[in-house]
Amino acid sequence: MRLFLAINLEPEMRRSVIEATAPLRAAAPSLGWVDESRLHLTLKFLGDQPDEAVSPLSAAMSDVAGKHRAFRMRVSEIGAFPNFRRARVVWMGVEREPRLEFLHHDVELACESLGFELEGRPFRPHLTLARVKERTDIEELRLLSRAGKKVDFEAGCVVRSIDLMKSNTDHASAAAGNRYERLHAAPLRES
């Protein structure tokens, strides 16, 4: 099964992000836009793992979460990896927050102790809004870039848990993409 560790957003926050970024979808409709129900911040992608990995991962994330207090996370700014001219991913940024950095660091160390590789790139927290298809027209990307500069959105939510997620491919409909299932929620301390 394909697993990842995430911070899931509250439903109101997901709805606000979708509403604020509607002009982006209008400017570039051919992109693979992420459905509202799947908006999240990925802490670590774990890839295909055996069923036996769920229990130790759940326990490790509970240990990590127990060392961290719930905190506020703010999202704002539209961008693309690597940039809008050669975009592969369109995202909404997550503002720098030391508590998020420490949480990510501890998640990485816990995963390493279970045999997962450390991420070699710096942590760039973001919400993936869309994936750019191979043959996207350059003019559509220009329109997307212009629309992104006009999005004026900033909002915050409370991070309350580290969630172990499973990605289920929906073979019945290619347009439906993947469904995400929460296998374990590791709550952060409330105080």
N, C-alpha and C. Protein backbone atom coordinates (compact mmCIF):
# COMPACT_ATOMS: atom_id res chain seq x y z
N MET A 1 0.84 -1.17 0.00
CA MET A 1 0.00 0.00 0.00
C MET A 1 0.89 1.24 0.00
N ARG A 2 0.40 2.30 -0.63
CA ARG A 2 1.16 3.55 -0.74
C ARG A 2 0.82 4.44 0.45
N LEU A 3 1.86 4.81 1.22
CA LEU A 3 1.67 5.54 2.47
C LEU A 3 2.36 6.90 2.45
N PHE A 4 1.81 7.83 3.23
CA PHE A 4 2.48 9.10 3.46
C PHE A 4 2.02 9.66 4.80
N LEU A 5 2.81 10.57 5.35
CA LEU A 5 2.49 11.24 6.60
C LEU A 5 2.07 12.66 6.28
N ALA A 6 0.97 13.11 6.88
CA ALA A 6 0.41 14.39 6.47
C ALA A 6 -0.17 15.17 7.65
N ILE A 7 -0.33 16.46 7.38
CA ILE A 7 -1.15 17.32 8.22
C ILE A 7 -2.40 17.59 7.38
N ASN A 8 -3.52 17.09 7.85
CA ASN A 8 -4.78 17.31 7.14
C ASN A 8 -5.39 18.63 7.61
N LEU A 9 -6.00 19.32 6.68
CA LEU A 9 -6.60 20.62 6.97
C LEU A 9 -8.05 20.45 7.40
N GLU A 10 -8.50 21.39 8.22
CA GLU A 10 -9.90 21.41 8.62
C GLU A 10 -10.76 21.67 7.37
N PRO A 11 -11.98 21.12 7.32
CA PRO A 11 -12.83 21.30 6.13
C PRO A 11 -13.03 22.76 5.71
N GLU A 12 -13.21 23.66 6.69
CA GLU A 12 -13.42 25.07 6.36
C GLU A 12 -12.19 25.65 5.66
N MET A 13 -11.00 25.23 6.10
CA MET A 13 -9.76 25.71 5.50
C MET A 13 -9.62 25.20 4.07
N ARG A 14 -9.93 23.92 3.87
CA ARG A 14 -9.86 23.36 2.51
C ARG A 14 -10.81 24.12 1.58
N ARG A 15 -12.03 24.38 2.05
CA ARG A 15 -13.02 25.09 1.25
C ARG A 15 -12.51 26.49 0.91
N SER A 16 -11.93 27.20 1.88
CA SER A 16 -11.41 28.56 1.65
C SER A 16 -10.29 28.56 0.62
N VAL A 17 -9.41 27.58 0.69
CA VAL A 17 -8.30 27.49 -0.28
C VAL A 17 -8.87 27.26 -1.69
N ILE A 18 -9.82 26.36 -1.81
CA ILE A 18 -10.42 26.07 -3.12
C ILE A 18 -11.11 27.31 -3.68
N GLU A 19 -11.85 28.01 -2.84
CA GLU A 19 -12.53 29.22 -3.31
C GLU A 19 -11.54 30.30 -3.73
N ALA A 20 -10.48 30.49 -2.95
CA ALA A 20 -9.49 31.52 -3.25
C ALA A 20 -8.72 31.22 -4.53
N THR A 21 -8.57 29.95 -4.85
CA THR A 21 -7.77 29.57 -6.02
C THR A 21 -8.61 29.23 -7.25
N ALA A 22 -9.91 29.50 -7.19
CA ALA A 22 -10.78 29.25 -8.35
C ALA A 22 -10.28 29.96 -9.61
N PRO A 23 -9.75 31.20 -9.53
CA PRO A 23 -9.23 31.84 -10.74
C PRO A 23 -8.07 31.07 -11.39
N LEU A 24 -7.33 30.34 -10.62
CA LEU A 24 -6.23 29.53 -11.18
C LEU A 24 -6.80 28.39 -12.03
N ARG A 25 -7.83 27.73 -11.50
CA ARG A 25 -8.45 26.63 -12.25
C ARG A 25 -9.09 27.15 -13.53
N ALA A 26 -9.64 28.36 -13.47
CA ALA A 26 -10.24 28.95 -14.67
C ALA A 26 -9.17 29.31 -15.70
N ALA A 27 -8.01 29.75 -15.23
CA ALA A 27 -6.93 30.15 -16.15
C ALA A 27 -6.24 28.96 -16.80
N ALA A 28 -6.21 27.83 -16.10
CA ALA A 28 -5.49 26.65 -16.62
C ALA A 28 -6.30 25.39 -16.34
N PRO A 29 -7.42 25.21 -17.05
CA PRO A 29 -8.30 24.07 -16.76
C PRO A 29 -7.71 22.71 -17.11
N SER A 30 -6.67 22.66 -17.93
CA SER A 30 -6.14 21.35 -18.34
C SER A 30 -5.23 20.71 -17.29
N LEU A 31 -4.86 21.45 -16.26
CA LEU A 31 -4.00 20.88 -15.23
C LEU A 31 -4.74 19.84 -14.41
N GLY A 32 -4.00 19.00 -13.73
CA GLY A 32 -4.58 17.99 -12.84
C GLY A 32 -4.81 18.60 -11.47
N TRP A 33 -5.96 19.26 -11.29
CA TRP A 33 -6.25 19.98 -10.05
C TRP A 33 -6.62 19.01 -8.93
N VAL A 34 -6.09 19.26 -7.75
CA VAL A 34 -6.35 18.43 -6.58
C VAL A 34 -7.75 18.72 -6.06
N ASP A 35 -8.50 17.66 -5.80
CA ASP A 35 -9.84 17.78 -5.25
C ASP A 35 -9.77 18.33 -3.83
N GLU A 36 -10.78 19.10 -3.46
CA GLU A 36 -10.83 19.72 -2.13
C GLU A 36 -10.59 18.71 -1.01
N SER A 37 -11.17 17.54 -1.12
CA SER A 37 -11.07 16.53 -0.05
C SER A 37 -9.64 16.01 0.14
N ARG A 38 -8.77 16.24 -0.84
CA ARG A 38 -7.41 15.70 -0.76
C ARG A 38 -6.35 16.76 -0.45
N LEU A 39 -6.75 18.00 -0.18
CA LEU A 39 -5.77 19.04 0.18
C LEU A 39 -5.13 18.73 1.53
N HIS A 40 -3.83 18.71 1.58
CA HIS A 40 -3.11 18.42 2.81
C HIS A 40 -1.67 18.92 2.67
N LEU A 41 -0.95 18.90 3.76
CA LEU A 41 0.48 19.18 3.75
C LEU A 41 1.19 17.85 3.98
N THR A 42 2.02 17.44 3.04
CA THR A 42 2.77 16.19 3.19
C THR A 42 3.99 16.43 4.06
N LEU A 43 4.10 15.67 5.13
CA LEU A 43 5.30 15.71 5.98
C LEU A 43 6.37 14.76 5.45
N LYS A 44 5.92 13.59 4.98
CA LYS A 44 6.88 12.63 4.42
C LYS A 44 6.13 11.63 3.55
N PHE A 45 6.64 11.43 2.33
CA PHE A 45 6.10 10.41 1.44
C PHE A 45 6.86 9.13 1.71
N LEU A 46 6.15 8.04 1.94
CA LEU A 46 6.78 6.77 2.30
C LEU A 46 6.75 5.74 1.18
N GLY A 47 5.93 5.97 0.16
CA GLY A 47 5.87 5.06 -0.97
C GLY A 47 5.15 3.76 -0.65
N ASP A 48 5.37 2.77 -1.49
CA ASP A 48 4.71 1.47 -1.33
C ASP A 48 5.33 0.72 -0.15
N GLN A 49 4.48 0.32 0.78
CA GLN A 49 4.93 -0.34 1.99
C GLN A 49 4.04 -1.55 2.29
N PRO A 50 4.61 -2.56 2.97
CA PRO A 50 3.79 -3.72 3.35
C PRO A 50 2.83 -3.35 4.48
N ASP A 51 1.78 -4.13 4.63
CA ASP A 51 0.80 -3.90 5.70
C ASP A 51 1.47 -3.83 7.08
N GLU A 52 2.54 -4.60 7.26
CA GLU A 52 3.22 -4.67 8.55
C GLU A 52 3.87 -3.34 8.95
N ALA A 53 4.01 -2.40 8.02
CA ALA A 53 4.64 -1.11 8.33
C ALA A 53 3.71 -0.19 9.10
N VAL A 54 2.40 -0.44 9.04
CA VAL A 54 1.43 0.48 9.64
C VAL A 54 1.59 0.57 11.15
N SER A 55 1.71 -0.54 11.83
CA SER A 55 1.77 -0.53 13.29
C SER A 55 3.00 0.21 13.81
N PRO A 56 4.23 -0.10 13.34
CA PRO A 56 5.39 0.65 13.85
C PRO A 56 5.36 2.12 13.47
N LEU A 57 4.85 2.44 12.28
CA LEU A 57 4.74 3.85 11.89
C LEU A 57 3.75 4.59 12.79
N SER A 58 2.62 3.95 13.07
CA SER A 58 1.62 4.56 13.94
C SER A 58 2.19 4.82 15.32
N ALA A 59 2.90 3.84 15.87
CA ALA A 59 3.49 4.00 17.20
C ALA A 59 4.55 5.10 17.20
N ALA A 60 5.38 5.13 16.17
CA ALA A 60 6.44 6.15 16.08
C ALA A 60 5.84 7.55 15.97
N MET A 61 4.77 7.70 15.19
CA MET A 61 4.15 9.02 15.05
C MET A 61 3.44 9.44 16.33
N SER A 62 2.88 8.48 17.07
CA SER A 62 2.29 8.82 18.36
C SER A 62 3.35 9.32 19.32
N ASP A 63 4.53 8.68 19.30
CA ASP A 63 5.64 9.14 20.14
C ASP A 63 6.07 10.55 19.76
N VAL A 64 6.23 10.80 18.46
CA VAL A 64 6.63 12.14 18.00
C VAL A 64 5.57 13.16 18.39
N ALA A 65 4.32 12.87 18.09
CA ALA A 65 3.23 13.83 18.36
C ALA A 65 3.15 14.18 19.84
N GLY A 66 3.41 13.20 20.70
CA GLY A 66 3.35 13.43 22.14
C GLY A 66 4.38 14.41 22.64
N LYS A 67 5.39 14.71 21.83
CA LYS A 67 6.45 15.65 22.22
C LYS A 67 6.19 17.06 21.71
N HIS A 68 5.11 17.23 20.96
CA HIS A 68 4.82 18.53 20.34
C HIS A 68 3.43 19.01 20.73
N ARG A 69 3.33 20.33 20.95
CA ARG A 69 2.04 20.95 21.23
C ARG A 69 1.38 21.35 19.91
N ALA A 70 0.05 21.36 19.91
CA ALA A 70 -0.71 21.86 18.76
C ALA A 70 -0.27 23.31 18.50
N PHE A 71 -0.28 23.71 17.24
CA PHE A 71 0.16 25.07 16.87
C PHE A 71 -0.60 25.55 15.65
N ARG A 72 -0.50 26.86 15.40
CA ARG A 72 -1.16 27.45 14.23
C ARG A 72 -0.22 27.45 13.04
N MET A 73 -0.79 27.12 11.90
CA MET A 73 -0.07 27.11 10.64
C MET A 73 -0.79 28.08 9.70
N ARG A 74 -0.04 28.91 8.98
CA ARG A 74 -0.63 29.88 8.06
C ARG A 74 -0.24 29.54 6.63
N VAL A 75 -1.21 29.68 5.73
CA VAL A 75 -0.95 29.46 4.30
C VAL A 75 -1.20 30.76 3.55
N SER A 76 -0.41 30.97 2.52
CA SER A 76 -0.55 32.13 1.65
C SER A 76 0.40 31.94 0.47
N GLU A 77 0.29 32.76 -0.53
CA GLU A 77 1.21 32.80 -1.67
C GLU A 77 1.04 31.60 -2.59
N ILE A 78 1.00 31.89 -3.86
CA ILE A 78 0.91 30.86 -4.90
C ILE A 78 2.26 30.75 -5.57
N GLY A 79 2.68 29.54 -5.88
CA GLY A 79 3.94 29.32 -6.57
C GLY A 79 3.90 28.05 -7.39
N ALA A 80 5.05 27.73 -7.99
CA ALA A 80 5.16 26.52 -8.80
C ALA A 80 6.57 25.96 -8.65
N PHE A 81 6.68 24.66 -8.71
CA PHE A 81 7.99 23.97 -8.74
C PHE A 81 8.26 23.54 -10.16
N PRO A 82 9.42 23.80 -10.78
CA PRO A 82 10.47 24.66 -10.24
C PRO A 82 10.14 26.14 -10.38
N ASN A 83 9.32 26.51 -11.38
CA ASN A 83 8.84 27.88 -11.56
C ASN A 83 7.66 27.82 -12.53
N PHE A 84 6.99 28.94 -12.77
CA PHE A 84 5.80 28.91 -13.63
C PHE A 84 6.12 28.61 -15.09
N ARG A 85 7.30 28.98 -15.57
CA ARG A 85 7.64 28.72 -16.97
C ARG A 85 7.80 27.22 -17.24
N ARG A 86 8.30 26.49 -16.25
CA ARG A 86 8.51 25.05 -16.42
C ARG A 86 7.77 24.28 -15.32
N ALA A 87 6.61 24.75 -14.97
CA ALA A 87 5.87 24.22 -13.82
C ALA A 87 5.60 22.72 -13.94
N ARG A 88 5.82 22.01 -12.85
CA ARG A 88 5.43 20.61 -12.71
C ARG A 88 4.34 20.50 -11.65
N VAL A 89 4.44 21.37 -10.62
CA VAL A 89 3.48 21.37 -9.51
C VAL A 89 3.13 22.83 -9.20
N VAL A 90 1.85 23.11 -9.01
CA VAL A 90 1.38 24.42 -8.56
C VAL A 90 0.99 24.27 -7.10
N TRP A 91 1.42 25.22 -6.27
CA TRP A 91 1.22 25.07 -4.84
C TRP A 91 0.79 26.36 -4.16
N MET A 92 0.27 26.20 -2.93
CA MET A 92 0.07 27.32 -2.01
C MET A 92 1.06 27.11 -0.89
N GLY A 93 1.81 28.17 -0.59
CA GLY A 93 2.86 28.06 0.41
C GLY A 93 2.36 28.05 1.84
N VAL A 94 3.17 27.46 2.69
CA VAL A 94 2.93 27.46 4.13
C VAL A 94 4.01 28.34 4.74
N GLU A 95 3.61 29.34 5.51
CA GLU A 95 4.57 30.27 6.09
C GLU A 95 5.52 29.54 7.04
N ARG A 96 6.75 30.04 7.09
CA ARG A 96 7.76 29.44 7.98
C ARG A 96 7.26 29.51 9.42
N GLU A 97 7.36 28.39 10.08
CA GLU A 97 6.91 28.27 11.47
C GLU A 97 7.87 27.30 12.16
N PRO A 98 8.65 27.79 13.13
CA PRO A 98 9.63 26.91 13.79
C PRO A 98 9.02 25.62 14.32
N ARG A 99 7.81 25.66 14.86
CA ARG A 99 7.21 24.44 15.41
C ARG A 99 6.93 23.40 14.32
N LEU A 100 6.60 23.88 13.12
CA LEU A 100 6.41 22.96 12.00
C LEU A 100 7.76 22.36 11.58
N GLU A 101 8.79 23.20 11.55
CA GLU A 101 10.13 22.71 11.21
C GLU A 101 10.59 21.63 12.20
N PHE A 102 10.40 21.88 13.50
CA PHE A 102 10.80 20.89 14.51
C PHE A 102 9.98 19.61 14.39
N LEU A 103 8.69 19.75 14.13
CA LEU A 103 7.84 18.58 13.95
C LEU A 103 8.32 17.75 12.77
N HIS A 104 8.58 18.41 11.64
CA HIS A 104 9.07 17.70 10.45
C HIS A 104 10.40 17.00 10.75
N HIS A 105 11.30 17.69 11.45
CA HIS A 105 12.60 17.11 11.81
C HIS A 105 12.41 15.83 12.63
N ASP A 106 11.54 15.88 13.62
CA ASP A 106 11.31 14.71 14.47
C ASP A 106 10.64 13.57 13.69
N VAL A 107 9.75 13.91 12.76
CA VAL A 107 9.13 12.90 11.89
C VAL A 107 10.21 12.21 11.06
N GLU A 108 11.10 13.00 10.47
CA GLU A 108 12.20 12.43 9.66
C GLU A 108 13.06 11.47 10.49
N LEU A 109 13.44 11.90 11.70
CA LEU A 109 14.29 11.05 12.55
C LEU A 109 13.57 9.77 12.95
N ALA A 110 12.29 9.87 13.27
CA ALA A 110 11.52 8.68 13.66
C ALA A 110 11.43 7.71 12.48
N CYS A 111 11.21 8.24 11.29
CA CYS A 111 11.14 7.38 10.10
C CYS A 111 12.49 6.74 9.80
N GLU A 112 13.55 7.52 9.99
CA GLU A 112 14.89 6.96 9.75
C GLU A 112 15.15 5.80 10.70
N SER A 113 14.69 5.92 11.95
CA SER A 113 14.92 4.83 12.92
C SER A 113 14.15 3.57 12.52
N LEU A 114 13.13 3.72 11.67
CA LEU A 114 12.37 2.57 11.17
C LEU A 114 12.91 2.05 9.83
N GLY A 115 14.00 2.66 9.36
CA GLY A 115 14.62 2.19 8.12
C GLY A 115 14.28 2.98 6.87
N PHE A 116 13.52 4.08 7.00
CA PHE A 116 13.21 4.91 5.84
C PHE A 116 14.36 5.89 5.60
N GLU A 117 14.58 6.20 4.33
CA GLU A 117 15.65 7.14 3.98
C GLU A 117 15.28 8.55 4.40
N LEU A 118 16.29 9.30 4.83
CA LEU A 118 16.09 10.72 5.11
C LEU A 118 15.85 11.45 3.79
N GLU A 119 14.99 12.45 3.82
CA GLU A 119 14.74 13.27 2.63
C GLU A 119 15.99 14.10 2.38
N GLY A 120 16.48 14.07 1.16
CA GLY A 120 17.71 14.78 0.83
C GLY A 120 17.52 16.25 0.52
N ARG A 121 16.27 16.66 0.29
CA ARG A 121 16.00 18.06 -0.04
C ARG A 121 15.51 18.82 1.19
N PRO A 122 15.70 20.14 1.17
CA PRO A 122 15.16 20.94 2.29
C PRO A 122 13.63 20.83 2.33
N PHE A 123 13.08 20.95 3.51
CA PHE A 123 11.63 20.90 3.70
C PHE A 123 11.03 22.20 3.19
N ARG A 124 10.16 22.09 2.19
CA ARG A 124 9.45 23.26 1.62
C ARG A 124 7.96 23.02 1.80
N PRO A 125 7.41 23.33 2.98
CA PRO A 125 6.01 23.00 3.23
C PRO A 125 5.07 23.74 2.29
N HIS A 126 4.13 23.00 1.72
CA HIS A 126 3.18 23.56 0.76
C HIS A 126 1.96 22.66 0.63
N LEU A 127 0.91 23.22 0.07
CA LEU A 127 -0.27 22.45 -0.30
C LEU A 127 -0.23 22.30 -1.81
N THR A 128 -0.19 21.09 -2.32
CA THR A 128 -0.22 20.90 -3.76
C THR A 128 -1.62 21.21 -4.27
N LEU A 129 -1.70 22.15 -5.20
CA LEU A 129 -2.98 22.53 -5.80
C LEU A 129 -3.22 21.80 -7.11
N ALA A 130 -2.14 21.60 -7.89
CA ALA A 130 -2.31 20.96 -9.21
C ALA A 130 -0.99 20.36 -9.66
N ARG A 131 -1.10 19.35 -10.51
CA ARG A 131 0.06 18.78 -11.20
C ARG A 131 -0.08 19.16 -12.67
N VAL A 132 1.03 19.58 -13.24
CA VAL A 132 1.02 20.05 -14.63
C VAL A 132 1.27 18.86 -15.55
N LYS A 133 0.39 18.71 -16.52
CA LYS A 133 0.51 17.61 -17.47
C LYS A 133 1.65 17.89 -18.45
N GLU A 134 2.19 16.82 -18.98
CA GLU A 134 3.38 16.89 -19.84
C GLU A 134 3.25 17.90 -20.97
N ARG A 135 2.13 17.95 -21.64
CA ARG A 135 2.00 18.80 -22.83
C ARG A 135 1.15 20.05 -22.58
N THR A 136 1.30 20.63 -21.43
CA THR A 136 0.53 21.85 -21.14
C THR A 136 1.07 22.99 -21.98
N ASP A 137 0.16 23.74 -22.58
CA ASP A 137 0.50 24.86 -23.44
C ASP A 137 1.19 25.96 -22.64
N ILE A 138 2.25 26.54 -23.21
CA ILE A 138 3.01 27.59 -22.53
C ILE A 138 2.14 28.82 -22.25
N GLU A 139 1.21 29.10 -23.15
CA GLU A 139 0.31 30.25 -22.93
C GLU A 139 -0.59 30.01 -21.72
N GLU A 140 -1.03 28.78 -21.54
CA GLU A 140 -1.85 28.46 -20.38
C GLU A 140 -1.04 28.67 -19.09
N LEU A 141 0.25 28.33 -19.12
CA LEU A 141 1.10 28.54 -17.95
C LEU A 141 1.30 30.03 -17.68
N ARG A 142 1.39 30.84 -18.73
CA ARG A 142 1.49 32.29 -18.55
C ARG A 142 0.23 32.84 -17.89
N LEU A 143 -0.93 32.39 -18.37
CA LEU A 143 -2.19 32.83 -17.77
C LEU A 143 -2.27 32.40 -16.30
N LEU A 144 -1.80 31.20 -16.02
CA LEU A 144 -1.79 30.67 -14.66
C LEU A 144 -0.90 31.54 -13.77
N SER A 145 0.28 31.89 -14.26
CA SER A 145 1.21 32.72 -13.49
C SER A 145 0.58 34.07 -13.17
N ARG A 146 -0.05 34.69 -14.16
CA ARG A 146 -0.71 35.98 -13.94
C ARG A 146 -1.84 35.85 -12.93
N ALA A 147 -2.63 34.80 -13.05
CA ALA A 147 -3.74 34.58 -12.11
C ALA A 147 -3.20 34.36 -10.70
N GLY A 148 -2.08 33.64 -10.60
CA GLY A 148 -1.49 33.36 -9.29
C GLY A 148 -1.04 34.63 -8.58
N LYS A 149 -0.55 35.61 -9.32
CA LYS A 149 -0.10 36.87 -8.73
C LYS A 149 -1.27 37.68 -8.19
N LYS A 150 -2.46 37.42 -8.69
CA LYS A 150 -3.64 38.18 -8.26
C LYS A 150 -4.35 37.54 -7.05
N VAL A 151 -3.99 36.32 -6.72
CA VAL A 151 -4.64 35.67 -5.58
C VAL A 151 -4.11 36.30 -4.29
N ASP A 152 -4.99 36.91 -3.55
CA ASP A 152 -4.64 37.55 -2.29
C ASP A 152 -5.34 36.78 -1.18
N PHE A 153 -4.66 35.80 -0.64
CA PHE A 153 -5.28 34.91 0.34
C PHE A 153 -4.28 34.59 1.43
N GLU A 154 -4.76 34.64 2.65
CA GLU A 154 -3.96 34.22 3.79
C GLU A 154 -4.93 33.70 4.83
N ALA A 155 -4.64 32.54 5.37
CA ALA A 155 -5.51 31.95 6.39
C ALA A 155 -4.69 31.03 7.27
N GLY A 156 -5.22 30.74 8.42
CA GLY A 156 -4.52 29.86 9.35
C GLY A 156 -5.42 28.76 9.86
N CYS A 157 -4.79 27.71 10.34
CA CYS A 157 -5.52 26.62 10.98
C CYS A 157 -4.63 26.02 12.05
N VAL A 158 -5.24 25.28 12.94
CA VAL A 158 -4.50 24.64 14.02
C VAL A 158 -4.07 23.24 13.58
N VAL A 159 -2.78 22.95 13.76
CA VAL A 159 -2.26 21.61 13.48
C VAL A 159 -2.46 20.80 14.76
N ARG A 160 -3.27 19.75 14.65
CA ARG A 160 -3.63 18.97 15.83
C ARG A 160 -3.11 17.53 15.81
N SER A 161 -2.69 17.05 14.63
CA SER A 161 -2.24 15.65 14.57
C SER A 161 -1.32 15.41 13.38
N ILE A 162 -0.58 14.34 13.48
CA ILE A 162 0.18 13.78 12.36
C ILE A 162 -0.64 12.59 11.90
N ASP A 163 -1.01 12.57 10.64
CA ASP A 163 -1.87 11.51 10.14
C ASP A 163 -1.10 10.58 9.20
N LEU A 164 -1.20 9.29 9.47
CA LEU A 164 -0.66 8.27 8.57
C LEU A 164 -1.75 7.99 7.54
N MET A 165 -1.43 8.25 6.28
CA MET A 165 -2.41 8.18 5.21
C MET A 165 -2.06 7.08 4.21
N LYS A 166 -3.12 6.52 3.65
CA LYS A 166 -2.99 5.52 2.59
C LYS A 166 -3.63 6.12 1.34
N SER A 167 -2.93 5.98 0.22
CA SER A 167 -3.44 6.47 -1.06
C SER A 167 -4.02 5.29 -1.81
N ASN A 168 -5.32 5.37 -2.12
CA ASN A 168 -6.01 4.30 -2.85
C ASN A 168 -6.29 4.77 -4.27
N THR A 169 -5.76 4.09 -5.26
CA THR A 169 -6.04 4.46 -6.64
C THR A 169 -7.43 3.97 -7.01
N ASP A 170 -8.22 4.87 -7.58
CA ASP A 170 -9.57 4.54 -8.01
C ASP A 170 -9.51 4.12 -9.47
N HIS A 171 -9.51 2.81 -9.71
CA HIS A 171 -9.40 2.30 -11.08
C HIS A 171 -10.70 2.46 -11.86
N ALA A 172 -11.79 2.70 -11.17
CA ALA A 172 -13.09 2.83 -11.86
C ALA A 172 -13.16 4.11 -12.69
N SER A 173 -12.45 5.13 -12.24
CA SER A 173 -12.50 6.40 -12.96
C SER A 173 -11.15 7.08 -12.88
N ALA A 174 -10.47 7.20 -13.99
CA ALA A 174 -9.16 7.86 -14.02
C ALA A 174 -9.27 9.30 -13.57
N ALA A 175 -10.39 9.95 -13.86
CA ALA A 175 -10.58 11.35 -13.48
C ALA A 175 -10.70 11.50 -11.96
N ALA A 176 -11.14 10.45 -11.30
CA ALA A 176 -11.32 10.54 -9.85
C ALA A 176 -9.99 10.59 -9.11
N GLY A 177 -8.93 10.07 -9.73
CA GLY A 177 -7.62 10.10 -9.09
C GLY A 177 -7.56 9.18 -7.89
N ASN A 178 -6.77 9.58 -6.90
CA ASN A 178 -6.59 8.78 -5.70
C ASN A 178 -7.52 9.24 -4.59
N ARG A 179 -7.96 8.29 -3.79
CA ARG A 179 -8.68 8.60 -2.56
C ARG A 179 -7.71 8.39 -1.42
N TYR A 180 -7.82 9.21 -0.40
CA TYR A 180 -6.94 9.08 0.75
C TYR A 180 -7.73 8.55 1.93
N GLU A 181 -7.09 7.64 2.64
CA GLU A 181 -7.70 7.03 3.83
C GLU A 181 -6.76 7.24 5.01
N ARG A 182 -7.28 7.77 6.09
CA ARG A 182 -6.46 7.96 7.29
C ARG A 182 -6.39 6.63 8.03
N LEU A 183 -5.19 6.12 8.22
CA LEU A 183 -4.99 4.86 8.94
C LEU A 183 -4.75 5.09 10.43
N HIS A 184 -4.16 6.25 10.75
CA HIS A 184 -3.86 6.54 12.15
C HIS A 184 -3.71 8.05 12.31
N ALA A 185 -4.29 8.60 13.37
CA ALA A 185 -4.10 10.00 13.72
C ALA A 185 -3.35 10.04 15.04
N ALA A 186 -2.18 10.68 15.01
CA ALA A 186 -1.36 10.82 16.22
C ALA A 186 -1.56 12.24 16.75
N PRO A 187 -2.36 12.43 17.80
CA PRO A 187 -2.67 13.77 18.28
C PRO A 187 -1.48 14.47 18.95
N LEU A 188 -1.31 15.74 18.61
CA LEU A 188 -0.34 16.58 19.29
C LEU A 188 -0.93 16.96 20.65
N ARG A 189 -0.06 17.33 21.58
CA ARG A 189 -0.52 17.73 22.92
C ARG A 189 -1.32 19.02 22.79
N GLU A 190 -2.35 19.17 23.59
CA GLU A 190 -3.16 20.39 23.58
C GLU A 190 -2.55 21.49 24.46
N SER A 191 -1.69 21.14 25.39
CA SER A 191 -1.06 22.17 26.22
C SER A 191 0.32 21.72 26.67
